[in-house]
Amino acid sequence: MIAFVVDVNVAIVANGRCPQANKACELRCVRKLREVSENTLCIDDGDRILAEYRANLSMSGQPGVGDEFMYLVYHRQFDTAACERVAITPMPSDALDFKEIPRGSLDSLDRADRKYMAVAIASQRSPCILDAVDSDWSQHERALKAVNATVEELCSDCLCNGETA
């Protein structure tokens, strides 16, 4: 099975709640979330990613596809065929930074994205990180390749330089 780490902005875009995302981008995010639901999602075992999903998506699974994704993640989080819960280790001095991320060229990676990166590095499944509209991932492309991290930019034509949610 293919494995994924999903930045919350993918689900937000799939819900149609991201102003810089065009309709083609929304459709790509919807299709990719459907693909993720048929494969394996990787999240952290400390529920940091799940907490971000909860803060931005509806637990009811409605009205959007991103909300449906939230519902599935919540109900499948302990199903090892659908979800890998990955142990990541926060730094003692900074709970938003993780020991799994090598020091150096990834030091400037957005603090909100570091949990996704740590999960991708620590996972046994070599997941692909999915991003819709956050330019931070593409700005670190060379450093990500150096640690064998793969990022799929779903909407490279809609990237922004700030918060997406």
C-alpha atoms as a PDB file:
ATOM      1  CA  MET A   1       0.000   0.000   0.000  1.00  0.00           C
ATOM      2  CA  ILE A   2       1.009   3.561  -0.649  1.00  0.00           C
ATOM      3  CA  ALA A   3       1.417   5.795   2.413  1.00  0.00           C
ATOM      4  CA  PHE A   4       0.789   9.516   2.824  1.00  0.00           C
ATOM      5  CA  VAL A   5       1.265  12.331   5.312  1.00  0.00           C
ATOM      6  CA  VAL A   6      -1.406  14.956   4.602  1.00  0.00           C
ATOM      7  CA  ASP A   7      -0.861  18.633   5.389  1.00  0.00           C
ATOM      8  CA  VAL A   8      -4.165  20.018   6.699  1.00  0.00           C
ATOM      9  CA  ASN A   9      -4.258  22.544   3.857  1.00  0.00           C
ATOM     10  CA  VAL A  10      -5.129  19.728   1.434  1.00  0.00           C
ATOM     11  CA  ALA A  11      -8.381  19.033   3.304  1.00  0.00           C
ATOM     12  CA  ILE A  12      -9.128  22.750   3.712  1.00  0.00           C
ATOM     13  CA  VAL A  13      -8.766  23.220  -0.042  1.00  0.00           C
ATOM     14  CA  ALA A  14     -10.927  20.126  -0.707  1.00  0.00           C
ATOM     15  CA  ASN A  15     -13.617  21.818   1.409  1.00  0.00           C
ATOM     16  CA  GLY A  16     -13.491  24.878  -0.856  1.00  0.00           C
ATOM     17  CA  ARG A  17     -12.329  27.105   2.014  1.00  0.00           C
ATOM     18  CA  CYS A  18      -9.062  28.445   0.626  1.00  0.00           C
ATOM     19  CA  PRO A  19      -9.302  31.717  -1.328  1.00  0.00           C
ATOM     20  CA  GLN A  20      -6.103  31.297  -3.372  1.00  0.00           C
ATOM     21  CA  ALA A  21      -7.053  27.795  -4.552  1.00  0.00           C
ATOM     22  CA  ASN A  22      -8.820  27.569  -7.894  1.00  0.00           C
ATOM     23  CA  LYS A  23     -11.428  24.934  -8.803  1.00  0.00           C
ATOM     24  CA  ALA A  24      -8.855  22.694 -10.512  1.00  0.00           C
ATOM     25  CA  CYS A  25      -6.799  22.712  -7.308  1.00  0.00           C
ATOM     26  CA  GLU A  26      -9.875  21.846  -5.235  1.00  0.00           C
ATOM     27  CA  LEU A  27     -10.641  18.933  -7.529  1.00  0.00           C
ATOM     28  CA  ARG A  28      -7.056  17.617  -7.314  1.00  0.00           C
ATOM     29  CA  CYS A  29      -7.263  17.747  -3.506  1.00  0.00           C
ATOM     30  CA  VAL A  30     -10.622  15.942  -3.482  1.00  0.00           C
ATOM     31  CA  ARG A  31      -9.230  13.188  -5.712  1.00  0.00           C
ATOM     32  CA  LYS A  32      -6.060  12.844  -3.646  1.00  0.00           C
ATOM     33  CA  LEU A  33      -7.976  12.585  -0.354  1.00  0.00           C
ATOM     34  CA  ARG A  34     -10.056   9.792  -1.899  1.00  0.00           C
ATOM     35  CA  GLU A  35      -6.801   8.050  -2.869  1.00  0.00           C
ATOM     36  CA  VAL A  36      -5.443   8.474   0.671  1.00  0.00           C
ATOM     37  CA  SER A  37      -8.609   6.894   2.081  1.00  0.00           C
ATOM     38  CA  GLU A  38      -7.898   3.793  -0.011  1.00  0.00           C
ATOM     39  CA  ASN A  39      -4.291   3.574   1.196  1.00  0.00           C
ATOM     40  CA  THR A  40      -2.412   4.352   4.418  1.00  0.00           C
ATOM     41  CA  LEU A  41      -2.344   7.671   6.245  1.00  0.00           C
ATOM     42  CA  CYS A  42       0.573   8.372   8.583  1.00  0.00           C
ATOM     43  CA  ILE A  43      -0.060  10.524  11.652  1.00  0.00           C
ATOM     44  CA  ASP A  44       1.835  11.032  14.893  1.00  0.00           C
ATOM     45  CA  ASP A  45       1.014   8.993  17.970  1.00  0.00           C
ATOM     46  CA  GLY A  46       0.817  12.154  20.095  1.00  0.00           C
ATOM     47  CA  ASP A  47      -2.223  13.391  18.135  1.00  0.00           C
ATOM     48  CA  ARG A  48      -0.581  16.646  17.015  1.00  0.00           C
ATOM     49  CA  ILE A  49      -1.696  16.163  13.410  1.00  0.00           C
ATOM     50  CA  LEU A  50      -5.140  14.984  14.472  1.00  0.00           C
ATOM     51  CA  ALA A  51      -5.497  18.100  16.662  1.00  0.00           C
ATOM     52  CA  GLU A  52      -4.707  20.335  13.686  1.00  0.00           C
ATOM     53  CA  TYR A  53      -7.254  18.480  11.583  1.00  0.00           C
ATOM     54  CA  ARG A  54      -9.857  18.888  14.338  1.00  0.00           C
ATOM     55  CA  ALA A  55      -9.168  22.619  14.587  1.00  0.00           C
ATOM     56  CA  ASN A  56      -9.799  23.126  10.863  1.00  0.00           C
ATOM     57  CA  LEU A  57     -12.265  20.420   9.832  1.00  0.00           C
ATOM     58  CA  SER A  58     -15.650  19.120  10.955  1.00  0.00           C
ATOM     59  CA  MET A  59     -15.737  15.912  12.963  1.00  0.00           C
ATOM     60  CA  SER A  60     -19.221  15.228  11.583  1.00  0.00           C
ATOM     61  CA  GLY A  61     -17.779  14.423   8.161  1.00  0.00           C
ATOM     62  CA  GLN A  62     -19.857  17.139   6.502  1.00  0.00           C
ATOM     63  CA  PRO A  63     -20.305  19.240   4.459  1.00  0.00           C
ATOM     64  CA  GLY A  64     -17.056  18.915   2.476  1.00  0.00           C
ATOM     65  CA  VAL A  65     -14.700  16.189   1.322  1.00  0.00           C
ATOM     66  CA  GLY A  66     -12.061  17.519   3.745  1.00  0.00           C
ATOM     67  CA  ASP A  67     -14.563  17.033   6.566  1.00  0.00           C
ATOM     68  CA  GLU A  68     -15.285  13.514   5.315  1.00  0.00           C
ATOM     69  CA  PHE A  69     -11.527  12.898   5.454  1.00  0.00           C
ATOM     70  CA  MET A  70     -11.483  14.111   9.090  1.00  0.00           C
ATOM     71  CA  TYR A  71     -14.285  11.707   9.966  1.00  0.00           C
ATOM     72  CA  LEU A  72     -12.458   8.781   8.351  1.00  0.00           C
ATOM     73  CA  VAL A  73      -9.151   9.619  10.005  1.00  0.00           C
ATOM     74  CA  TYR A  74     -10.757   9.845  13.423  1.00  0.00           C
ATOM     75  CA  HIS A  75     -12.583   6.539  13.059  1.00  0.00           C
ATOM     76  CA  ARG A  76      -9.700   4.667  11.420  1.00  0.00           C
ATOM     77  CA  GLN A  77      -6.785   6.035  13.449  1.00  0.00           C
ATOM     78  CA  PHE A  78      -6.211   2.714  15.253  1.00  0.00           C
ATOM     79  CA  ASP A  79      -6.814   0.487  12.194  1.00  0.00           C
ATOM     80  CA  THR A  80      -3.262  -0.476  11.245  1.00  0.00           C
ATOM     81  CA  ALA A  81      -4.278  -1.220   7.654  1.00  0.00           C
ATOM     82  CA  ALA A  82      -5.582   2.338   7.195  1.00  0.00           C
ATOM     83  CA  CYS A  83      -3.371   4.351   9.526  1.00  0.00           C
ATOM     84  CA  GLU A  84       0.173   4.244  10.835  1.00  0.00           C
ATOM     85  CA  ARG A  85       0.582   6.055  14.161  1.00  0.00           C
ATOM     86  CA  VAL A  86       4.210   7.144  14.176  1.00  0.00           C
ATOM     87  CA  ALA A  87       6.174   7.965  17.327  1.00  0.00           C
ATOM     88  CA  ILE A  88       7.933  11.333  17.078  1.00  0.00           C
ATOM     89  CA  THR A  89      10.001  12.981  19.792  1.00  0.00           C
ATOM     90  CA  PRO A  90       9.561  16.661  20.648  1.00  0.00           C
ATOM     91  CA  MET A  91      12.704  18.584  21.520  1.00  0.00           C
ATOM     92  CA  PRO A  92      12.898  19.376  25.255  1.00  0.00           C
ATOM     93  CA  SER A  93      13.293  23.089  24.522  1.00  0.00           C
ATOM     94  CA  ASP A  94      10.614  23.322  21.815  1.00  0.00           C
ATOM     95  CA  ALA A  95       7.476  21.151  21.604  1.00  0.00           C
ATOM     96  CA  LEU A  96       6.989  22.130  17.933  1.00  0.00           C
ATOM     97  CA  ASP A  97      10.391  20.812  16.900  1.00  0.00           C
ATOM     98  CA  PHE A  98      11.324  17.146  16.719  1.00  0.00           C
ATOM     99  CA  LYS A  99      14.477  15.059  17.141  1.00  0.00           C
ATOM    100  CA  GLU A 100      13.698  13.137  13.950  1.00  0.00           C
ATOM    101  CA  ILE A 101      14.370  16.222  11.795  1.00  0.00           C
ATOM    102  CA  PRO A 102      18.080  16.628  11.042  1.00  0.00           C
ATOM    103  CA  ARG A 103      19.617  19.952  12.036  1.00  0.00           C
ATOM    104  CA  GLY A 104      20.799  22.214   9.259  1.00  0.00           C
ATOM    105  CA  SER A 105      19.001  22.983   6.026  1.00  0.00           C
ATOM    106  CA  LEU A 106      15.551  22.115   7.423  1.00  0.00           C
ATOM    107  CA  ASP A 107      15.897  24.444  10.415  1.00  0.00           C
ATOM    108  CA  SER A 108      13.806  27.101   8.675  1.00  0.00           C
ATOM    109  CA  LEU A 109      10.937  24.726   7.823  1.00  0.00           C
ATOM    110  CA  ASP A 110       7.694  26.246   9.098  1.00  0.00           C
ATOM    111  CA  ARG A 111       7.131  25.246  12.713  1.00  0.00           C
ATOM    112  CA  ALA A 112       3.550  24.214  11.937  1.00  0.00           C
ATOM    113  CA  ASP A 113       4.827  21.800   9.266  1.00  0.00           C
ATOM    114  CA  ARG A 114       7.552  20.171  11.347  1.00  0.00           C
ATOM    115  CA  LYS A 115       5.224  17.491  12.762  1.00  0.00           C
ATOM    116  CA  TYR A 116       4.439  16.309   9.212  1.00  0.00           C
ATOM    117  CA  MET A 117       8.143  16.187   8.364  1.00  0.00           C
ATOM    118  CA  ALA A 118       9.011  14.270  11.543  1.00  0.00           C
ATOM    119  CA  VAL A 119       6.296  11.699  10.806  1.00  0.00           C
ATOM    120  CA  ALA A 120       7.505  11.266   7.222  1.00  0.00           C
ATOM    121  CA  ILE A 121      11.081  10.694   8.394  1.00  0.00           C
ATOM    122  CA  ALA A 122      10.172   8.348  11.276  1.00  0.00           C
ATOM    123  CA  SER A 123       7.584   6.283   9.411  1.00  0.00           C
ATOM    124  CA  GLN A 124       8.415   2.733   8.370  1.00  0.00           C
ATOM    125  CA  ARG A 125       6.400   3.220   5.154  1.00  0.00           C
ATOM    126  CA  SER A 126       8.306   6.097   3.466  1.00  0.00           C
ATOM    127  CA  PRO A 127       5.164   8.190   2.985  1.00  0.00           C
ATOM    128  CA  CYS A 128       4.728  10.979   0.494  1.00  0.00           C
ATOM    129  CA  ILE A 129       3.839  14.340   2.074  1.00  0.00           C
ATOM    130  CA  LEU A 130       0.853  15.955   0.348  1.00  0.00           C
ATOM    131  CA  ASP A 131       0.627  19.736   0.114  1.00  0.00           C
ATOM    132  CA  ALA A 132      -1.868  21.932  -1.678  1.00  0.00           C
ATOM    133  CA  VAL A 133      -1.058  25.628  -1.279  1.00  0.00           C
ATOM    134  CA  ASP A 134       1.812  26.070   1.197  1.00  0.00           C
ATOM    135  CA  SER A 135       4.997  27.323  -0.495  1.00  0.00           C
ATOM    136  CA  ASP A 136       7.131  26.328   2.499  1.00  0.00           C
ATOM    137  CA  TRP A 137       7.524  22.786   1.191  1.00  0.00           C
ATOM    138  CA  SER A 138       8.734  23.812  -2.268  1.00  0.00           C
ATOM    139  CA  GLN A 139      11.181  26.302  -0.738  1.00  0.00           C
ATOM    140  CA  HIS A 140      12.900  23.379   1.020  1.00  0.00           C
ATOM    141  CA  GLU A 141      12.906  21.003  -1.953  1.00  0.00           C
ATOM    142  CA  ARG A 142      16.666  20.369  -1.965  1.00  0.00           C
ATOM    143  CA  ALA A 143      16.838  19.777   1.802  1.00  0.00           C
ATOM    144  CA  LEU A 144      13.844  17.438   1.642  1.00  0.00           C
ATOM    145  CA  LYS A 145      15.494  15.361  -1.065  1.00  0.00           C
ATOM    146  CA  ALA A 146      18.614  15.111   1.091  1.00  0.00           C
ATOM    147  CA  VAL A 147      16.590  13.317   3.798  1.00  0.00           C
ATOM    148  CA  ASN A 148      14.692  11.207   1.229  1.00  0.00           C
ATOM    149  CA  ALA A 149      11.416  13.030   1.882  1.00  0.00           C
ATOM    150  CA  THR A 150       8.981  13.243  -1.003  1.00  0.00           C
ATOM    151  CA  VAL A 151       6.461  16.068  -1.257  1.00  0.00           C
ATOM    152  CA  GLU A 152       3.691  16.101  -3.833  1.00  0.00           C
ATOM    153  CA  GLU A 153       2.603  19.646  -4.607  1.00  0.00           C
ATOM    154  CA  LEU A 154      -1.025  19.280  -5.675  1.00  0.00           C
ATOM    155  CA  CYS A 155      -1.515  22.934  -6.596  1.00  0.00           C
ATOM    156  CA  SER A 156       1.820  24.460  -7.540  1.00  0.00           C
ATOM    157  CA  ASP A 157      -0.074  27.161  -9.431  1.00  0.00           C
ATOM    158  CA  CYS A 158      -1.781  28.286  -6.193  1.00  0.00           C
ATOM    159  CA  LEU A 159       1.077  28.359  -3.680  1.00  0.00           C
ATOM    160  CA  CYS A 160       1.077  31.117  -1.086  1.00  0.00           C
ATOM    161  CA  ASN A 161       3.712  32.442   1.279  1.00  0.00           C
ATOM    162  CA  GLY A 162       1.612  32.616   4.430  1.00  0.00           C
ATOM    163  CA  GLU A 163      -0.890  30.817   6.564  1.00  0.00           C
ATOM    164  CA  THR A 164      -3.462  28.847   4.599  1.00  0.00           C
ATOM    165  CA  ALA A 165      -5.805  27.970   7.399  1.00  0.00           C
END
